[in-house]
Amino acid sequence: MTLLECLVIRSSRMSYFSRIAVSLCALGAVILPLYSWVYLPILEQSNYQQYLKRKLTIEQYVRRMEYHCNQIFTPSKEYRCEKFNEAKESGNFQITPPRAPIKN
């Protein structure tokens, strides 16, 4: 006898609320594995791609500002370069990697 046949036979003798509870449990038994096996890996991949994009953008900005401040420095850029160097020394351009994925 399959699980479905068993549920159908039992549901004829169950109350209305018991049938709803069994239906919700069956639905949860289908949705929970989909959530953990499909949605979470996709979410982790998306977070990692966003991290790589932010990291690349920050690295490009730092390289561009280093070039502007060291190679083509002009007096009009002095304040901006001072602020950039202060931020660089304080570690403001460090980006933390996403957290480690949860293993099931």
C-alpha atoms as a PDB file:
ATOM      1  CA  MET A   1       0.000   0.000   0.000  1.00  0.00           C
ATOM      2  CA  THR A   2       1.460   3.373  -0.968  1.00  0.00           C
ATOM      3  CA  LEU A   3       1.662   6.369   1.289  1.00  0.00           C
ATOM      4  CA  LEU A   4      -1.021   8.141  -0.721  1.00  0.00           C
ATOM      5  CA  GLU A   5      -3.443   5.225  -0.395  1.00  0.00           C
ATOM      6  CA  CYS A   6      -2.758   5.079   3.328  1.00  0.00           C
ATOM      7  CA  LEU A   7      -3.471   8.790   3.682  1.00  0.00           C
ATOM      8  CA  VAL A   8      -6.673   8.503   1.661  1.00  0.00           C
ATOM      9  CA  ILE A   9      -7.935   5.584   3.768  1.00  0.00           C
ATOM     10  CA  ARG A  10      -7.043   7.338   7.021  1.00  0.00           C
ATOM     11  CA  SER A  11      -8.398  10.702   5.883  1.00  0.00           C
ATOM     12  CA  SER A  12     -11.891   9.274   5.506  1.00  0.00           C
ATOM     13  CA  ARG A  13     -11.941   8.537   9.234  1.00  0.00           C
ATOM     14  CA  MET A  14     -10.162  11.729  10.348  1.00  0.00           C
ATOM     15  CA  SER A  15     -11.664  14.979  11.467  1.00  0.00           C
ATOM     16  CA  TYR A  16     -11.469  18.100   9.308  1.00  0.00           C
ATOM     17  CA  PHE A  17      -8.602  19.653  11.317  1.00  0.00           C
ATOM     18  CA  SER A  18      -6.630  16.412  11.322  1.00  0.00           C
ATOM     19  CA  ARG A  19      -6.864  16.255   7.523  1.00  0.00           C
ATOM     20  CA  ILE A  20      -5.594  19.849   7.318  1.00  0.00           C
ATOM     21  CA  ALA A  21      -2.697  18.992   9.644  1.00  0.00           C
ATOM     22  CA  VAL A  22      -1.723  15.958   7.559  1.00  0.00           C
ATOM     23  CA  SER A  23      -1.909  18.016   4.367  1.00  0.00           C
ATOM     24  CA  LEU A  24       0.309  20.727   5.854  1.00  0.00           C
ATOM     25  CA  CYS A  25       2.837  18.149   7.052  1.00  0.00           C
ATOM     26  CA  ALA A  26       2.937  16.561   3.605  1.00  0.00           C
ATOM     27  CA  LEU A  27       3.377  19.962   2.013  1.00  0.00           C
ATOM     28  CA  GLY A  28       6.165  20.805   4.458  1.00  0.00           C
ATOM     29  CA  ALA A  29       7.881  17.502   3.713  1.00  0.00           C
ATOM     30  CA  VAL A  30       8.075  18.563   0.052  1.00  0.00           C
ATOM     31  CA  ILE A  31       8.940  22.230   0.520  1.00  0.00           C
ATOM     32  CA  LEU A  32      11.649  21.920   3.187  1.00  0.00           C
ATOM     33  CA  PRO A  33      14.026  19.770   1.100  1.00  0.00           C
ATOM     34  CA  LEU A  34      13.470  22.040  -1.904  1.00  0.00           C
ATOM     35  CA  TYR A  35      14.347  25.039   0.251  1.00  0.00           C
ATOM     36  CA  SER A  36      17.561  23.535   1.584  1.00  0.00           C
ATOM     37  CA  TRP A  37      18.703  21.791  -1.612  1.00  0.00           C
ATOM     38  CA  VAL A  38      17.683  24.337  -4.234  1.00  0.00           C
ATOM     39  CA  TYR A  39      17.067  27.800  -2.773  1.00  0.00           C
ATOM     40  CA  LEU A  40      19.945  28.020  -0.268  1.00  0.00           C
ATOM     41  CA  PRO A  41      22.696  27.035  -2.755  1.00  0.00           C
ATOM     42  CA  ILE A  42      21.327  29.552  -5.266  1.00  0.00           C
ATOM     43  CA  LEU A  43      21.277  32.229  -2.554  1.00  0.00           C
ATOM     44  CA  GLU A  44      24.859  31.435  -1.517  1.00  0.00           C
ATOM     45  CA  GLN A  45      26.027  31.617  -5.138  1.00  0.00           C
ATOM     46  CA  SER A  46      24.277  34.963  -5.558  1.00  0.00           C
ATOM     47  CA  ASN A  47      25.886  36.325  -2.385  1.00  0.00           C
ATOM     48  CA  TYR A  48      29.306  35.175  -3.570  1.00  0.00           C
ATOM     49  CA  GLN A  49      28.826  36.807  -6.988  1.00  0.00           C
ATOM     50  CA  GLN A  50      27.834  40.082  -5.280  1.00  0.00           C
ATOM     51  CA  TYR A  51      30.936  39.832  -3.077  1.00  0.00           C
ATOM     52  CA  LEU A  52      33.182  39.352  -6.119  1.00  0.00           C
ATOM     53  CA  LYS A  53      31.566  42.322  -7.866  1.00  0.00           C
ATOM     54  CA  ARG A  54      32.014  44.600  -4.812  1.00  0.00           C
ATOM     55  CA  LYS A  55      35.600  43.417  -4.367  1.00  0.00           C
ATOM     56  CA  LEU A  56      36.439  44.109  -8.015  1.00  0.00           C
ATOM     57  CA  THR A  57      34.823  47.548  -7.872  1.00  0.00           C
ATOM     58  CA  ILE A  58      36.777  48.513  -4.744  1.00  0.00           C
ATOM     59  CA  GLU A  59      40.048  47.209  -6.205  1.00  0.00           C
ATOM     60  CA  GLN A  60      39.483  49.243  -9.388  1.00  0.00           C
ATOM     61  CA  TYR A  61      38.738  52.362  -7.349  1.00  0.00           C
ATOM     62  CA  VAL A  62      41.892  51.913  -5.244  1.00  0.00           C
ATOM     63  CA  ARG A  63      44.055  51.373  -8.338  1.00  0.00           C
ATOM     64  CA  ARG A  64      42.548  54.435 -10.060  1.00  0.00           C
ATOM     65  CA  MET A  65      43.027  56.651  -7.016  1.00  0.00           C
ATOM     66  CA  GLU A  66      46.590  55.411  -6.476  1.00  0.00           C
ATOM     67  CA  TYR A  67      47.358  56.257 -10.092  1.00  0.00           C
ATOM     68  CA  HIS A  68      45.780  59.709  -9.793  1.00  0.00           C
ATOM     69  CA  CYS A  69      47.511  60.486  -6.511  1.00  0.00           C
ATOM     70  CA  ASN A  70      50.947  59.106  -7.411  1.00  0.00           C
ATOM     71  CA  GLN A  71      51.308  59.579 -11.180  1.00  0.00           C
ATOM     72  CA  ILE A  72      49.257  62.634 -12.139  1.00  0.00           C
ATOM     73  CA  PHE A  73      49.052  64.453  -8.826  1.00  0.00           C
ATOM     74  CA  THR A  74      48.026  68.101  -9.061  1.00  0.00           C
ATOM     75  CA  PRO A  75      47.482  70.642  -6.262  1.00  0.00           C
ATOM     76  CA  SER A  76      43.750  70.599  -6.947  1.00  0.00           C
ATOM     77  CA  LYS A  77      43.656  66.901  -6.021  1.00  0.00           C
ATOM     78  CA  GLU A  78      45.601  67.320  -2.780  1.00  0.00           C
ATOM     79  CA  TYR A  79      42.610  67.202  -0.411  1.00  0.00           C
ATOM     80  CA  ARG A  80      41.037  64.235  -2.196  1.00  0.00           C
ATOM     81  CA  CYS A  81      44.318  62.314  -2.140  1.00  0.00           C
ATOM     82  CA  GLU A  82      44.814  63.058   1.565  1.00  0.00           C
ATOM     83  CA  LYS A  83      41.369  61.674   2.339  1.00  0.00           C
ATOM     84  CA  PHE A  84      41.999  58.623   0.146  1.00  0.00           C
ATOM     85  CA  ASN A  85      45.326  57.887   1.848  1.00  0.00           C
ATOM     86  CA  GLU A  86      43.720  58.222   5.295  1.00  0.00           C
ATOM     87  CA  ALA A  87      40.958  55.813   4.314  1.00  0.00           C
ATOM     88  CA  LYS A  88      43.466  53.385   2.823  1.00  0.00           C
ATOM     89  CA  GLU A  89      45.613  53.410   5.966  1.00  0.00           C
ATOM     90  CA  SER A  90      42.590  52.862   8.207  1.00  0.00           C
ATOM     91  CA  GLY A  91      41.565  49.762   6.219  1.00  0.00           C
ATOM     92  CA  ASN A  92      38.307  51.151   4.840  1.00  0.00           C
ATOM     93  CA  PHE A  93      38.843  49.391   1.519  1.00  0.00           C
ATOM     94  CA  GLN A  94      38.907  45.892   3.011  1.00  0.00           C
ATOM     95  CA  ILE A  95      35.907  43.762   2.109  1.00  0.00           C
ATOM     96  CA  THR A  96      35.014  40.674   4.105  1.00  0.00           C
ATOM     97  CA  PRO A  97      34.159  37.507   2.196  1.00  0.00           C
ATOM     98  CA  PRO A  98      30.715  36.008   2.613  1.00  0.00           C
ATOM     99  CA  ARG A  99      30.218  33.569   5.465  1.00  0.00           C
ATOM    100  CA  ALA A 100      30.996  29.902   4.935  1.00  0.00           C
ATOM    101  CA  PRO A 101      28.077  27.908   3.560  1.00  0.00           C
ATOM    102  CA  ILE A 102      26.111  25.767   5.998  1.00  0.00           C
ATOM    103  CA  LYS A 103      26.648  22.059   5.398  1.00  0.00           C
ATOM    104  CA  ASN A 104      23.605  19.832   5.833  1.00  0.00           C
END
